[in-house]
Amino acid sequence: MPEPTPPQSTNRTEPRGAVPPGNAGAAPLSRQHHQAKGLGSGAKLGLLALLLAAAAAAWWQWGREVPPPPASTPPALAAPAAPPQPDPAVTATPAEPAPEATAHPIEPAADAQGRPPLAADDGKGLAETVSEWLGREATLRFVATDDLARRTVATVDNLARGQAAVRLWPLHPVGGRMVVARTDDGGMTIAAENAARYDAVVGFVTGLNVQQGAALYRRVYPVLQQAYENLGYPGQRFNDRLVAVIDHLLATPDPTAPLALKLVQVNSQAQPGAQPQQPWLRYEFVDGELQNASAGQKILLRMGIAHTQRIKAQLRALRAQITKP
């Protein structure tokens, strides 16, 4: 067996949180912190309702398209750099039919200090609550606090779909490039070393106190519920969707062997009248069922089995907390 290709170092800076509409000239504080201190990009929100979104920061690298290598040279074993691409449109995709009754009712509640639940329109209070619980340093490092409620509900909703819009992530993308390894028959798999890119993320997520996070979730729930309805789901409950997405992620298969990859050419669609764009290559799973999996399940698959099992354990603990009567 050939030795797996070691991780490739890179000095590229990955995209950060989107600037909110109407404020295009000012970067979010979290982005300014990254630029000033040079902190490595990571993923995680203290609010445990965002455990689902914690892994989403890793999705950026998987779907990136890369320039095709010259015909005379084989594909590189580490994903090449890709030019910036426009974010997907921020529109809600029709979800499953609304349930006739709330499957998992949840009541907003005061926190341990007796502070009442947030008002439904208190998006600023949501960001402040998360920042207070995580601490300023962790918040600046990991969280895109601008428009946090909409980012949260949209990302959770999209994890069970084919794509999770980058501009809506509540977290900063994971840095580095996916590492792949050659097989004896000339194929490619995700290298075992690739899992190391997620060590800090998974450690941070699984180190959270689920019970405390669930209490915080109940206090800020009115803000998330209003943001979910504004996303295009009036009359539907965000907690029901959150539980459904958790169940969907828990159903992610646990592979027993390295996951085989292939490079696929993608022809970009140019706008009418625009110059045709150069085609690109991207990695896809060889297994058709895995390639057709949701964005969230692909994220878990790509993390490596050990990390996936730890995240699943935390998700089960969270589910138990937010489905209590």
C-alpha atoms as a PDB file:
ATOM      1  CA  MET A   1       0.000   0.000   0.000  1.00  0.00           C
ATOM      2  CA  PRO A   2       1.378   3.440  -0.856  1.00  0.00           C
ATOM      3  CA  GLU A   3       1.799   5.858   1.991  1.00  0.00           C
ATOM      4  CA  PRO A   4      -0.992   8.435   2.298  1.00  0.00           C
ATOM      5  CA  THR A   5      -0.103  11.870   1.041  1.00  0.00           C
ATOM      6  CA  PRO A   6       0.687  14.185   3.991  1.00  0.00           C
ATOM      7  CA  PRO A   7      -1.470  17.268   4.515  1.00  0.00           C
ATOM      8  CA  GLN A   8      -0.551  20.192   2.315  1.00  0.00           C
ATOM      9  CA  SER A   9       0.154  23.549   3.911  1.00  0.00           C
ATOM     10  CA  THR A  10      -1.543  26.634   2.544  1.00  0.00           C
ATOM     11  CA  ASN A  11      -1.395  30.348   3.186  1.00  0.00           C
ATOM     12  CA  ARG A  12      -4.740  31.066   1.581  1.00  0.00           C
ATOM     13  CA  THR A  13      -7.279  32.853   3.688  1.00  0.00           C
ATOM     14  CA  GLU A  14     -10.729  31.299   3.411  1.00  0.00           C
ATOM     15  CA  PRO A  15     -13.873  33.433   3.071  1.00  0.00           C
ATOM     16  CA  ARG A  16     -15.426  34.609   6.326  1.00  0.00           C
ATOM     17  CA  GLY A  17     -18.932  35.605   7.364  1.00  0.00           C
ATOM     18  CA  ALA A  18     -20.944  37.638   4.877  1.00  0.00           C
ATOM     19  CA  VAL A  19     -21.352  41.375   5.391  1.00  0.00           C
ATOM     20  CA  PRO A  20     -24.991  42.148   6.156  1.00  0.00           C
ATOM     21  CA  PRO A  21     -27.015  44.013   3.485  1.00  0.00           C
ATOM     22  CA  GLY A  22     -26.715  47.754   3.789  1.00  0.00           C
ATOM     23  CA  ASN A  23     -23.367  47.497   5.567  1.00  0.00           C
ATOM     24  CA  ALA A  24     -21.102  46.433   2.748  1.00  0.00           C
ATOM     25  CA  GLY A  25     -18.296  48.717   3.841  1.00  0.00           C
ATOM     26  CA  ALA A  26     -17.851  47.286   7.330  1.00  0.00           C
ATOM     27  CA  ALA A  27     -16.688  43.764   8.066  1.00  0.00           C
ATOM     28  CA  PRO A  28     -18.230  41.923  11.039  1.00  0.00           C
ATOM     29  CA  LEU A  29     -16.252  42.207  14.261  1.00  0.00           C
ATOM     30  CA  SER A  30     -15.455  38.520  14.104  1.00  0.00           C
ATOM     31  CA  ARG A  31     -13.827  38.961  10.707  1.00  0.00           C
ATOM     32  CA  GLN A  32     -11.848  41.982  11.910  1.00  0.00           C
ATOM     33  CA  HIS A  33     -10.554  39.848  14.772  1.00  0.00           C
ATOM     34  CA  HIS A  34      -9.345  37.186  12.365  1.00  0.00           C
ATOM     35  CA  GLN A  35      -7.617  39.757  10.219  1.00  0.00           C
ATOM     36  CA  ALA A  36      -5.966  41.449  13.183  1.00  0.00           C
ATOM     37  CA  LYS A  37      -4.804  38.321  15.026  1.00  0.00           C
ATOM     38  CA  GLY A  38      -4.396  35.856  12.188  1.00  0.00           C
ATOM     39  CA  LEU A  39      -6.434  33.202  13.981  1.00  0.00           C
ATOM     40  CA  GLY A  40      -6.969  29.950  12.119  1.00  0.00           C
ATOM     41  CA  SER A  41     -10.511  29.505  10.838  1.00  0.00           C
ATOM     42  CA  GLY A  42     -12.647  27.078  12.792  1.00  0.00           C
ATOM     43  CA  ALA A  43     -16.223  26.108  13.401  1.00  0.00           C
ATOM     44  CA  LYS A  44     -18.463  26.077  16.423  1.00  0.00           C
ATOM     45  CA  LEU A  45     -21.174  27.967  18.188  1.00  0.00           C
ATOM     46  CA  GLY A  46     -21.757  27.779  21.880  1.00  0.00           C
ATOM     47  CA  LEU A  47     -25.473  27.616  21.417  1.00  0.00           C
ATOM     48  CA  LEU A  48     -26.100  23.880  21.263  1.00  0.00           C
ATOM     49  CA  ALA A  49     -28.959  24.342  18.864  1.00  0.00           C
ATOM     50  CA  LEU A  50     -26.137  25.103  16.438  1.00  0.00           C
ATOM     51  CA  LEU A  51     -24.326  21.809  16.869  1.00  0.00           C
ATOM     52  CA  LEU A  52     -25.768  20.912  13.504  1.00  0.00           C
ATOM     53  CA  ALA A  53     -24.222  24.004  12.009  1.00  0.00           C
ATOM     54  CA  ALA A  54     -20.864  23.399  13.672  1.00  0.00           C
ATOM     55  CA  ALA A  55     -19.951  20.806  11.080  1.00  0.00           C
ATOM     56  CA  ALA A  56     -21.236  22.961   8.234  1.00  0.00           C
ATOM     57  CA  ALA A  57     -18.130  25.071   8.219  1.00  0.00           C
ATOM     58  CA  ALA A  58     -16.292  22.044   6.876  1.00  0.00           C
ATOM     59  CA  TRP A  59     -18.596  21.815   3.856  1.00  0.00           C
ATOM     60  CA  TRP A  60     -16.945  24.745   2.079  1.00  0.00           C
ATOM     61  CA  GLN A  61     -13.848  22.799   1.101  1.00  0.00           C
ATOM     62  CA  TRP A  62     -15.745  19.759  -0.212  1.00  0.00           C
ATOM     63  CA  GLY A  63     -17.841  21.549  -2.842  1.00  0.00           C
ATOM     64  CA  ARG A  64     -15.064  23.839  -4.076  1.00  0.00           C
ATOM     65  CA  GLU A  65     -14.304  23.528  -7.767  1.00  0.00           C
ATOM     66  CA  VAL A  66     -10.669  23.387  -8.846  1.00  0.00           C
ATOM     67  CA  PRO A  67      -8.950  24.112 -12.192  1.00  0.00           C
ATOM     68  CA  PRO A  68      -8.219  21.010 -14.298  1.00  0.00           C
ATOM     69  CA  PRO A  69      -4.539  20.009 -14.418  1.00  0.00           C
ATOM     70  CA  PRO A  70      -2.690  19.864 -17.756  1.00  0.00           C
ATOM     71  CA  ALA A  71      -3.512  16.774 -19.799  1.00  0.00           C
ATOM     72  CA  SER A  72       0.023  15.436 -19.368  1.00  0.00           C
ATOM     73  CA  THR A  73      -0.003  15.486 -15.576  1.00  0.00           C
ATOM     74  CA  PRO A  74      -2.073  13.382 -13.142  1.00  0.00           C
ATOM     75  CA  PRO A  75      -4.474  15.048 -10.687  1.00  0.00           C
ATOM     76  CA  ALA A  76      -2.816  16.346  -7.546  1.00  0.00           C
ATOM     77  CA  LEU A  77      -3.433  14.411  -4.361  1.00  0.00           C
ATOM     78  CA  ALA A  78      -4.306  17.549  -2.399  1.00  0.00           C
ATOM     79  CA  ALA A  79      -7.219  19.675  -3.530  1.00  0.00           C
ATOM     80  CA  PRO A  80      -5.850  22.665  -5.513  1.00  0.00           C
ATOM     81  CA  ALA A  81      -6.912  26.199  -4.752  1.00  0.00           C
ATOM     82  CA  ALA A  82     -10.076  27.467  -6.387  1.00  0.00           C
ATOM     83  CA  PRO A  83     -11.119  30.969  -7.413  1.00  0.00           C
ATOM     84  CA  PRO A  84     -13.880  32.649  -5.401  1.00  0.00           C
ATOM     85  CA  GLN A  85     -17.366  31.690  -6.472  1.00  0.00           C
ATOM     86  CA  PRO A  86     -20.637  33.517  -5.934  1.00  0.00           C
ATOM     87  CA  ASP A  87     -22.715  32.420  -2.979  1.00  0.00           C
ATOM     88  CA  PRO A  88     -25.915  30.493  -3.676  1.00  0.00           C
ATOM     89  CA  ALA A  89     -29.131  32.489  -3.740  1.00  0.00           C
ATOM     90  CA  VAL A  90     -30.593  33.114  -0.309  1.00  0.00           C
ATOM     91  CA  THR A  91     -34.001  31.587  -0.820  1.00  0.00           C
ATOM     92  CA  ALA A  92     -35.875  29.019   1.198  1.00  0.00           C
ATOM     93  CA  THR A  93     -36.424  25.717  -0.577  1.00  0.00           C
ATOM     94  CA  PRO A  94     -39.890  24.267   0.081  1.00  0.00           C
ATOM     95  CA  ALA A  95     -39.538  21.825   2.943  1.00  0.00           C
ATOM     96  CA  GLU A  96     -41.577  18.800   3.814  1.00  0.00           C
ATOM     97  CA  PRO A  97     -45.307  19.421   4.359  1.00  0.00           C
ATOM     98  CA  ALA A  98     -46.031  21.110   7.653  1.00  0.00           C
ATOM     99  CA  PRO A  99     -47.056  18.656  10.377  1.00  0.00           C
ATOM    100  CA  GLU A 100     -50.662  18.756  11.464  1.00  0.00           C
ATOM    101  CA  ALA A 101     -49.568  19.260  15.057  1.00  0.00           C
ATOM    102  CA  THR A 102     -46.335  20.208  16.752  1.00  0.00           C
ATOM    103  CA  ALA A 103     -44.292  17.034  17.042  1.00  0.00           C
ATOM    104  CA  HIS A 104     -41.887  18.343  19.666  1.00  0.00           C
ATOM    105  CA  PRO A 105     -43.381  21.327  21.479  1.00  0.00           C
ATOM    106  CA  ILE A 106     -40.975  23.519  23.381  1.00  0.00           C
ATOM    107  CA  GLU A 107     -41.723  26.416  25.677  1.00  0.00           C
ATOM    108  CA  PRO A 108     -39.411  29.437  26.015  1.00  0.00           C
ATOM    109  CA  ALA A 109     -38.067  29.678  29.548  1.00  0.00           C
ATOM    110  CA  ALA A 110     -35.992  31.954  31.750  1.00  0.00           C
ATOM    111  CA  ASP A 111     -32.385  31.042  32.402  1.00  0.00           C
ATOM    112  CA  ALA A 112     -30.805  30.010  35.703  1.00  0.00           C
ATOM    113  CA  GLN A 113     -30.387  33.675  36.654  1.00  0.00           C
ATOM    114  CA  GLY A 114     -34.099  34.308  36.157  1.00  0.00           C
ATOM    115  CA  ARG A 115     -33.689  36.394  32.996  1.00  0.00           C
ATOM    116  CA  PRO A 116     -36.837  36.068  30.871  1.00  0.00           C
ATOM    117  CA  PRO A 117     -36.905  34.662  27.333  1.00  0.00           C
ATOM    118  CA  LEU A 118     -35.846  37.039  24.586  1.00  0.00           C
ATOM    119  CA  ALA A 119     -38.421  38.893  22.536  1.00  0.00           C
ATOM    120  CA  ALA A 120     -38.975  37.435  19.077  1.00  0.00           C
ATOM    121  CA  ASP A 121     -37.345  40.428  17.375  1.00  0.00           C
ATOM    122  CA  ASP A 122     -34.319  40.622  19.689  1.00  0.00           C
ATOM    123  CA  GLY A 123     -31.626  39.428  17.300  1.00  0.00           C
ATOM    124  CA  LYS A 124     -29.063  41.558  19.093  1.00  0.00           C
ATOM    125  CA  GLY A 125     -29.947  39.826  22.350  1.00  0.00           C
ATOM    126  CA  LEU A 126     -29.315  36.444  20.714  1.00  0.00           C
ATOM    127  CA  ALA A 127     -25.808  37.453  19.693  1.00  0.00           C
ATOM    128  CA  GLU A 128     -25.114  38.906  23.144  1.00  0.00           C
ATOM    129  CA  THR A 129     -26.390  35.773  24.884  1.00  0.00           C
ATOM    130  CA  VAL A 130     -24.183  33.490  22.804  1.00  0.00           C
ATOM    131  CA  SER A 131     -21.203  35.797  23.288  1.00  0.00           C
ATOM    132  CA  GLU A 132     -21.731  35.895  27.048  1.00  0.00           C
ATOM    133  CA  TRP A 133     -21.866  32.102  27.281  1.00  0.00           C
ATOM    134  CA  LEU A 134     -18.885  31.430  25.007  1.00  0.00           C
ATOM    135  CA  GLY A 135     -16.777  34.387  26.053  1.00  0.00           C
ATOM    136  CA  ARG A 136     -15.535  37.205  23.856  1.00  0.00           C
ATOM    137  CA  GLU A 137     -12.440  35.439  22.494  1.00  0.00           C
ATOM    138  CA  ALA A 138     -14.254  32.278  21.376  1.00  0.00           C
ATOM    139  CA  THR A 139     -17.122  34.287  19.930  1.00  0.00           C
ATOM    140  CA  LEU A 140     -14.832  36.484  17.862  1.00  0.00           C
ATOM    141  CA  ARG A 141     -12.867  33.494  16.690  1.00  0.00           C
ATOM    142  CA  PHE A 142     -15.689  31.187  15.675  1.00  0.00           C
ATOM    143  CA  VAL A 143     -18.998  33.013  15.261  1.00  0.00           C
ATOM    144  CA  ALA A 144     -20.380  35.262  12.532  1.00  0.00           C
ATOM    145  CA  THR A 145     -22.611  37.263  14.861  1.00  0.00           C
ATOM    146  CA  ASP A 146     -24.212  39.512  12.249  1.00  0.00           C
ATOM    147  CA  ASP A 147     -27.748  38.353  11.428  1.00  0.00           C
ATOM    148  CA  LEU A 148     -27.136  35.334  13.656  1.00  0.00           C
ATOM    149  CA  ALA A 149     -30.728  34.149  13.963  1.00  0.00           C
ATOM    150  CA  ARG A 150     -31.284  33.911  10.212  1.00  0.00           C
ATOM    151  CA  ARG A 151     -27.902  32.275   9.686  1.00  0.00           C
ATOM    152  CA  THR A 152     -28.722  29.683  12.325  1.00  0.00           C
ATOM    153  CA  VAL A 153     -32.163  28.590  11.179  1.00  0.00           C
ATOM    154  CA  ALA A 154     -31.213  28.604   7.493  1.00  0.00           C
ATOM    155  CA  THR A 155     -28.107  26.490   8.062  1.00  0.00           C
ATOM    156  CA  VAL A 156     -29.904  23.980  10.273  1.00  0.00           C
ATOM    157  CA  ASP A 157     -32.674  23.713   7.674  1.00  0.00           C
ATOM    158  CA  ASN A 158     -30.222  23.249   4.796  1.00  0.00           C
ATOM    159  CA  LEU A 159     -28.140  20.523   6.419  1.00  0.00           C
ATOM    160  CA  ALA A 160     -30.767  17.978   5.409  1.00  0.00           C
ATOM    161  CA  ARG A 161     -30.724  19.251   1.815  1.00  0.00           C
ATOM    162  CA  GLY A 162     -28.247  18.997  -1.021  1.00  0.00           C
ATOM    163  CA  GLN A 163     -26.532  22.323  -0.355  1.00  0.00           C
ATOM    164  CA  ALA A 164     -25.949  24.664   2.579  1.00  0.00           C
ATOM    165  CA  ALA A 165     -25.531  28.262   1.393  1.00  0.00           C
ATOM    166  CA  VAL A 166     -22.117  29.565   2.405  1.00  0.00           C
ATOM    167  CA  ARG A 167     -23.301  33.118   2.981  1.00  0.00           C
ATOM    168  CA  LEU A 168     -25.744  31.912   5.630  1.00  0.00           C
ATOM    169  CA  TRP A 169     -23.339  29.985   7.836  1.00  0.00           C
ATOM    170  CA  PRO A 170     -23.250  31.237  11.431  1.00  0.00           C
ATOM    171  CA  LEU A 171     -19.672  29.951  11.686  1.00  0.00           C
ATOM    172  CA  HIS A 172     -16.391  30.565   9.909  1.00  0.00           C
ATOM    173  CA  PRO A 173     -15.150  27.899   7.486  1.00  0.00           C
ATOM    174  CA  VAL A 174     -12.558  25.341   8.480  1.00  0.00           C
ATOM    175  CA  GLY A 175      -9.164  26.108   6.974  1.00  0.00           C
ATOM    176  CA  GLY A 176      -6.858  23.869   5.020  1.00  0.00           C
ATOM    177  CA  ARG A 177      -7.479  21.596   2.067  1.00  0.00           C
ATOM    178  CA  MET A 178      -8.894  18.118   1.873  1.00  0.00           C
ATOM    179  CA  VAL A 179      -6.134  15.486   1.810  1.00  0.00           C
ATOM    180  CA  VAL A 180      -6.577  12.422  -0.397  1.00  0.00           C
ATOM    181  CA  ALA A 181      -4.520   9.254  -0.854  1.00  0.00           C
ATOM    182  CA  ARG A 182      -3.816   6.981  -3.802  1.00  0.00           C
ATOM    183  CA  THR A 183      -4.952   3.376  -3.781  1.00  0.00           C
ATOM    184  CA  ASP A 184      -3.126   0.391  -5.295  1.00  0.00           C
ATOM    185  CA  ASP A 185      -5.446   0.414  -8.308  1.00  0.00           C
ATOM    186  CA  GLY A 186      -4.812   4.102  -9.040  1.00  0.00           C
ATOM    187  CA  GLY A 187      -7.956   5.399  -7.388  1.00  0.00           C
ATOM    188  CA  MET A 188      -8.299   7.990  -4.634  1.00  0.00           C
ATOM    189  CA  THR A 189      -9.730   7.999  -1.128  1.00  0.00           C
ATOM    190  CA  ILE A 190     -10.031  10.540   1.667  1.00  0.00           C
ATOM    191  CA  ALA A 191      -6.747  10.209   3.539  1.00  0.00           C
ATOM    192  CA  ALA A 192      -6.751   9.308   7.217  1.00  0.00           C
ATOM    193  CA  GLU A 193      -4.740  12.497   7.874  1.00  0.00           C
ATOM    194  CA  ASN A 194      -7.661  14.594   6.664  1.00  0.00           C
ATOM    195  CA  ALA A 195      -9.516  14.002   9.942  1.00  0.00           C
ATOM    196  CA  ALA A 196      -6.905  16.033  11.819  1.00  0.00           C
ATOM    197  CA  ARG A 197      -8.321  19.206  10.256  1.00  0.00           C
ATOM    198  CA  TYR A 198     -11.415  18.738  12.430  1.00  0.00           C
ATOM    199  CA  ASP A 199      -9.737  17.909  15.743  1.00  0.00           C
ATOM    200  CA  ALA A 200     -10.228  21.392  17.203  1.00  0.00           C
ATOM    201  CA  VAL A 201     -13.778  21.702  15.896  1.00  0.00           C
ATOM    202  CA  VAL A 202     -14.946  18.374  17.261  1.00  0.00           C
ATOM    203  CA  GLY A 203     -13.168  18.918  20.567  1.00  0.00           C
ATOM    204  CA  PHE A 204     -14.851  22.278  20.979  1.00  0.00           C
ATOM    205  CA  VAL A 205     -18.316  20.959  20.086  1.00  0.00           C
ATOM    206  CA  THR A 206     -18.159  17.857  22.236  1.00  0.00           C
ATOM    207  CA  GLY A 207     -16.730  19.792  25.168  1.00  0.00           C
ATOM    208  CA  LEU A 208     -19.927  21.805  25.574  1.00  0.00           C
ATOM    209  CA  ASN A 209     -22.339  21.214  28.419  1.00  0.00           C
ATOM    210  CA  VAL A 210     -25.481  20.031  26.633  1.00  0.00           C
ATOM    211  CA  GLN A 211     -27.788  20.761  29.554  1.00  0.00           C
ATOM    212  CA  GLN A 212     -26.585  24.352  29.802  1.00  0.00           C
ATOM    213  CA  GLY A 213     -26.849  24.761  26.049  1.00  0.00           C
ATOM    214  CA  ALA A 214     -30.414  23.468  26.007  1.00  0.00           C
ATOM    215  CA  ALA A 215     -31.377  25.960  28.729  1.00  0.00           C
ATOM    216  CA  LEU A 216     -29.853  28.755  26.682  1.00  0.00           C
ATOM    217  CA  TYR A 217     -31.708  27.470  23.618  1.00  0.00           C
ATOM    218  CA  ARG A 218     -35.034  27.750  25.422  1.00  0.00           C
ATOM    219  CA  ARG A 219     -34.321  31.331  26.431  1.00  0.00           C
ATOM    220  CA  VAL A 220     -33.459  32.467  22.882  1.00  0.00           C
ATOM    221  CA  TYR A 221     -36.020  30.232  21.170  1.00  0.00           C
ATOM    222  CA  PRO A 222     -38.504  33.043  20.340  1.00  0.00           C
ATOM    223  CA  VAL A 223     -35.841  34.715  18.182  1.00  0.00           C
ATOM    224  CA  LEU A 224     -35.056  31.494  16.318  1.00  0.00           C
ATOM    225  CA  GLN A 225     -38.731  30.679  15.838  1.00  0.00           C
ATOM    226  CA  GLN A 226     -39.435  34.099  14.338  1.00  0.00           C
ATOM    227  CA  ALA A 227     -36.413  33.833  12.053  1.00  0.00           C
ATOM    228  CA  TYR A 228     -37.567  30.392  10.904  1.00  0.00           C
ATOM    229  CA  GLU A 229     -41.015  31.678  10.010  1.00  0.00           C
ATOM    230  CA  ASN A 230     -39.438  34.627   8.206  1.00  0.00           C
ATOM    231  CA  LEU A 231     -37.358  32.176   6.218  1.00  0.00           C
ATOM    232  CA  GLY A 232     -40.532  30.981   4.539  1.00  0.00           C
ATOM    233  CA  TYR A 233     -42.185  28.567   6.966  1.00  0.00           C
ATOM    234  CA  PRO A 234     -45.086  30.405   8.625  1.00  0.00           C
ATOM    235  CA  GLY A 235     -46.935  28.265  11.130  1.00  0.00           C
ATOM    236  CA  GLN A 236     -44.144  25.672  11.342  1.00  0.00           C
ATOM    237  CA  ARG A 237     -42.003  25.139  14.415  1.00  0.00           C
ATOM    238  CA  PHE A 238     -38.217  25.437  14.318  1.00  0.00           C
ATOM    239  CA  ASN A 239     -37.769  22.916  17.123  1.00  0.00           C
ATOM    240  CA  ASP A 240     -39.581  20.284  15.053  1.00  0.00           C
ATOM    241  CA  ARG A 241     -37.236  20.976  12.165  1.00  0.00           C
ATOM    242  CA  LEU A 242     -34.203  20.876  14.444  1.00  0.00           C
ATOM    243  CA  VAL A 243     -35.174  17.464  15.823  1.00  0.00           C
ATOM    244  CA  ALA A 244     -35.894  16.159  12.305  1.00  0.00           C
ATOM    245  CA  VAL A 245     -32.477  17.312  11.080  1.00  0.00           C
ATOM    246  CA  ILE A 246     -30.766  15.749  14.093  1.00  0.00           C
ATOM    247  CA  ASP A 247     -32.501  12.445  13.303  1.00  0.00           C
ATOM    248  CA  HIS A 248     -31.411  12.799   9.682  1.00  0.00           C
ATOM    249  CA  LEU A 249     -27.780  13.311  10.685  1.00  0.00           C
ATOM    250  CA  LEU A 250     -27.879  10.425  13.141  1.00  0.00           C
ATOM    251  CA  ALA A 251     -28.878   8.203  10.204  1.00  0.00           C
ATOM    252  CA  THR A 252     -25.574   8.958   8.456  1.00  0.00           C
ATOM    253  CA  PRO A 253     -23.871   5.627   7.664  1.00  0.00           C
ATOM    254  CA  ASP A 254     -20.655   4.738   9.488  1.00  0.00           C
ATOM    255  CA  PRO A 255     -18.208   3.614   6.780  1.00  0.00           C
ATOM    256  CA  THR A 256     -15.804   0.816   7.621  1.00  0.00           C
ATOM    257  CA  ALA A 257     -13.282   1.587   4.868  1.00  0.00           C
ATOM    258  CA  PRO A 258     -11.729   4.731   3.356  1.00  0.00           C
ATOM    259  CA  LEU A 259     -14.217   6.587   1.173  1.00  0.00           C
ATOM    260  CA  ALA A 260     -13.387   6.428  -2.533  1.00  0.00           C
ATOM    261  CA  LEU A 261     -13.315   9.678  -4.506  1.00  0.00           C
ATOM    262  CA  LYS A 262     -13.262  10.711  -8.141  1.00  0.00           C
ATOM    263  CA  LEU A 263     -12.608  13.961  -9.982  1.00  0.00           C
ATOM    264  CA  VAL A 264     -15.541  15.234 -12.030  1.00  0.00           C
ATOM    265  CA  GLN A 265     -15.465  18.073 -14.554  1.00  0.00           C
ATOM    266  CA  VAL A 266     -18.009  20.827 -13.965  1.00  0.00           C
ATOM    267  CA  ASN A 267     -18.983  23.208 -16.752  1.00  0.00           C
ATOM    268  CA  SER A 268     -19.949  26.563 -15.281  1.00  0.00           C
ATOM    269  CA  GLN A 269     -23.035  28.236 -16.691  1.00  0.00           C
ATOM    270  CA  ALA A 270     -22.187  31.715 -17.908  1.00  0.00           C
ATOM    271  CA  GLN A 271     -24.688  34.565 -17.834  1.00  0.00           C
ATOM    272  CA  PRO A 272     -26.311  35.438 -21.190  1.00  0.00           C
ATOM    273  CA  GLY A 273     -23.870  37.476 -23.240  1.00  0.00           C
ATOM    274  CA  ALA A 274     -20.929  36.737 -20.927  1.00  0.00           C
ATOM    275  CA  GLN A 275     -17.702  35.006 -21.879  1.00  0.00           C
ATOM    276  CA  PRO A 276     -17.810  31.206 -21.409  1.00  0.00           C
ATOM    277  CA  GLN A 277     -16.073  30.170 -18.210  1.00  0.00           C
ATOM    278  CA  GLN A 278     -13.345  27.557 -17.966  1.00  0.00           C
ATOM    279  CA  PRO A 279     -14.597  24.165 -16.728  1.00  0.00           C
ATOM    280  CA  TRP A 280     -13.418  23.001 -13.313  1.00  0.00           C
ATOM    281  CA  LEU A 281     -12.826  19.748 -11.494  1.00  0.00           C
ATOM    282  CA  ARG A 282     -14.177  18.767  -8.119  1.00  0.00           C
ATOM    283  CA  TYR A 283     -14.089  15.725  -5.869  1.00  0.00           C
ATOM    284  CA  GLU A 284     -17.166  13.523  -5.570  1.00  0.00           C
ATOM    285  CA  PHE A 285     -17.838  10.227  -3.818  1.00  0.00           C
ATOM    286  CA  VAL A 286     -17.576   7.205  -6.090  1.00  0.00           C
ATOM    287  CA  ASP A 287     -20.479   5.607  -4.217  1.00  0.00           C
ATOM    288  CA  GLY A 288     -23.602   7.065  -5.794  1.00  0.00           C
ATOM    289  CA  GLU A 289     -25.657   6.830  -2.597  1.00  0.00           C
ATOM    290  CA  LEU A 290     -23.056   8.770  -0.652  1.00  0.00           C
ATOM    291  CA  GLN A 291     -22.761  11.372  -3.393  1.00  0.00           C
ATOM    292  CA  ASN A 292     -26.530  11.868  -3.300  1.00  0.00           C
ATOM    293  CA  ALA A 293     -26.515  12.267   0.485  1.00  0.00           C
ATOM    294  CA  SER A 294     -27.389  15.596   2.068  1.00  0.00           C
ATOM    295  CA  ALA A 295     -24.907  18.355   2.792  1.00  0.00           C
ATOM    296  CA  GLY A 296     -24.935  17.519   6.508  1.00  0.00           C
ATOM    297  CA  GLN A 297     -24.381  13.793   6.037  1.00  0.00           C
ATOM    298  CA  LYS A 298     -21.475  14.414   3.649  1.00  0.00           C
ATOM    299  CA  ILE A 299     -19.904  16.654   6.257  1.00  0.00           C
ATOM    300  CA  LEU A 300     -20.046  13.903   8.868  1.00  0.00           C
ATOM    301  CA  LEU A 301     -18.701  11.338   6.406  1.00  0.00           C
ATOM    302  CA  ARG A 302     -15.764  13.533   5.548  1.00  0.00           C
ATOM    303  CA  MET A 303     -14.766  14.146   9.172  1.00  0.00           C
ATOM    304  CA  GLY A 304     -13.724  10.548   9.746  1.00  0.00           C
ATOM    305  CA  ILE A 305     -15.485   7.826  11.691  1.00  0.00           C
ATOM    306  CA  ALA A 306     -14.076   8.727  15.131  1.00  0.00           C
ATOM    307  CA  HIS A 307     -15.144  12.361  14.863  1.00  0.00           C
ATOM    308  CA  THR A 308     -18.515  11.382  13.419  1.00  0.00           C
ATOM    309  CA  GLN A 309     -19.280   9.109  16.358  1.00  0.00           C
ATOM    310  CA  ARG A 310     -18.392  11.845  18.862  1.00  0.00           C
ATOM    311  CA  ILE A 311     -20.608  14.380  17.089  1.00  0.00           C
ATOM    312  CA  LYS A 312     -23.462  11.870  16.931  1.00  0.00           C
ATOM    313  CA  ALA A 313     -23.196  11.248  20.668  1.00  0.00           C
ATOM    314  CA  GLN A 314     -23.489  14.982  21.334  1.00  0.00           C
ATOM    315  CA  LEU A 315     -26.435  15.265  18.967  1.00  0.00           C
ATOM    316  CA  ARG A 316     -28.237  12.452  20.775  1.00  0.00           C
ATOM    317  CA  ALA A 317     -27.682  14.243  24.073  1.00  0.00           C
ATOM    318  CA  LEU A 318     -29.008  17.487  22.618  1.00  0.00           C
ATOM    319  CA  ARG A 319     -32.035  15.738  21.152  1.00  0.00           C
ATOM    320  CA  ALA A 320     -32.897  14.284  24.541  1.00  0.00           C
ATOM    321  CA  GLN A 321     -32.820  17.762  26.073  1.00  0.00           C
ATOM    322  CA  ILE A 322     -34.969  19.563  23.483  1.00  0.00           C
ATOM    323  CA  THR A 323     -37.625  16.845  23.286  1.00  0.00           C
ATOM    324  CA  LYS A 324     -38.369  16.730  26.998  1.00  0.00           C
ATOM    325  CA  PRO A 325     -41.969  17.624  27.918  1.00  0.00           C
END
